[in-house]
Protein backbone atom coordinates (compact mmCIF):
# COMPACT_ATOMS: atom_id res chain seq x y z
CA MET A 1 0.33 -0.20 -0.03
CA THR A 2 1.84 3.48 -0.60
CA LYS A 3 1.94 6.24 1.30
CA GLU A 4 -1.04 8.41 0.14
CA LYS A 5 -3.30 5.12 0.20
CA ASN A 6 -2.40 4.49 3.96
CA PHE A 7 -2.82 7.87 4.79
CA GLN A 8 -5.86 7.67 2.55
CA PHE A 9 -7.65 4.57 4.65
CA LEU A 10 -6.64 5.79 8.14
CA LEU A 11 -8.31 9.34 7.76
CA GLU A 12 -11.64 6.56 6.18
CA ALA A 13 -11.57 4.50 8.85
CA ILE A 14 -11.19 7.23 11.89
CA SER A 15 -13.44 9.41 10.51
CA THR A 16 -16.05 6.40 9.98
CA ASP A 17 -16.19 6.17 13.61
CA ILE A 18 -15.86 9.03 15.22
CA ILE A 19 -19.19 9.83 13.10
CA GLY A 20 -20.87 7.16 14.59
CA TRP A 21 -19.54 8.43 18.06
CA LEU A 22 -21.14 11.49 17.56
CA ILE A 23 -24.16 10.40 16.39
CA ARG A 24 -23.92 8.06 19.85
CA ASP A 25 -23.42 10.17 22.19
CA ASN A 26 -25.12 13.43 20.65
CA GLY A 27 -28.23 12.38 19.47
CA LEU A 28 -27.33 13.57 15.74
CA SER A 29 -28.35 12.78 12.30
CA LEU A 30 -26.14 10.77 9.98
CA SER A 31 -26.41 14.45 7.98
CA GLU A 32 -25.30 16.24 11.07
CA ALA A 33 -22.77 14.40 12.54
CA ILE A 34 -21.33 14.23 8.73
CA SER A 35 -21.12 18.23 8.84
CA THR A 36 -19.68 18.50 12.45
CA TRP A 37 -17.06 16.32 11.96
CA TYR A 38 -15.79 17.81 8.04
CA ASN A 39 -16.61 20.83 8.80
CA SER A 40 -14.56 20.43 12.38
CA GLU A 41 -10.34 22.29 13.26
CA THR A 42 -9.96 18.69 14.41
CA PHE A 43 -10.55 16.76 10.98
CA GLU A 44 -8.25 19.48 9.38
CA LYS A 45 -5.83 18.89 11.39
CA VAL A 46 -6.62 14.94 11.05
CA SER A 47 -6.37 15.10 7.31
CA GLU A 48 -3.03 17.30 7.61
CA PRO A 49 -0.37 14.85 7.16
CA LYS A 50 2.30 16.44 7.98
CA THR A 51 0.45 16.82 12.03
CA GLY A 52 0.91 12.80 12.84
CA MET A 53 -2.20 12.42 13.93
CA TYR A 54 -3.78 10.41 11.50
CA ILE A 55 -2.20 7.58 12.71
CA GLU A 56 -3.74 8.05 16.25
CA SER A 57 -6.44 6.63 17.62
CA PRO A 58 -9.95 7.37 16.95
CA ALA A 59 -10.85 7.82 20.12
CA TYR A 60 -7.69 10.01 21.06
CA ASN A 61 -8.91 12.37 18.02
CA TYR A 62 -12.63 11.99 18.85
CA ASP A 63 -11.08 12.97 22.13
CA PHE A 64 -9.61 16.68 20.50
CA LEU A 65 -13.11 17.35 19.13
CA LYS A 66 -15.25 16.83 21.81
CA ARG A 67 -12.99 19.42 23.20
CA GLU A 68 -13.34 21.46 20.35
CA LEU A 69 -17.06 21.55 20.11
CA LEU A 70 -17.32 22.48 24.47
CA THR A 71 -14.68 25.51 24.24
CA GLY A 72 -16.17 26.05 20.20
CA ARG A 73 -12.03 25.95 19.22
CA PHE A 74 -9.13 23.65 18.81
CA GLN A 75 -6.87 22.89 21.72
CA VAL A 76 -3.91 20.76 21.73
């Protein structure tokens, strides 16, 4: 698997889990959960290979998203 394909695979796996957790934990519809995730600063960071966040677990990244949703901004 090429580096780019590996990155895309991991990003999709993270996204699938996080969208599911948004639905479960917040009662969002599928479209609301997708919009919340893909429009978040957390997704922007995970989508940048140089941050290395794409190799972290979905739960690790979900913690960043939950913090962002509570505070209104991405925080390290």
